[in-house]
Amino acid sequence: MPDCKILDLLLKGNSVIKEIPSNNPDDVMWLEISLQDDLKPTYSFRRDHYARVEPNFFNSCPIEKAKFKLRESAFIRSDLEQGFDPSYERVGQFFYLNSLAELEDYLKNRNLDLDRFQSVSEVELYPL
């Protein structure tokens, strides 16, 4: 079981992404992972970095109950870099994994590491 901040983000209801190789050099492709909708915390408690709130106050999904949804999406890199409205024609459908073990197996088979994902909010080019 990974012990990483990315897993913590997922369990708190955040989405994470990783840029993955695309067959077309003009495209940028991302793999997005999030909790399945029915498991997301009932609220998203956001706080400023200077707020004094104990970290265990945050609502999160228990790891043993976690189920995930994933999708791949591709966009034209130059559209994103130049600030144009991207085409959403190649936003993939979600597919579902029913445990952390299934997620780990999926990532291992794709030679991906959960620790290398990042919060969607940290990626400026990601349009979703």
Foldseek 3Di string as FASTA:
>chain_A
DDDAVLVVCQQQFFKWKDWDDDPDPQKTKIKIKHFPPVRHDPDRDDDDPPDDDDPVVRDGGPQAATKMKMWMFMWGVVCLVVVHDTDRPRTGDIDIGGHVVRVVVVCVVVVHDSNNIGTPVVDSSDDD
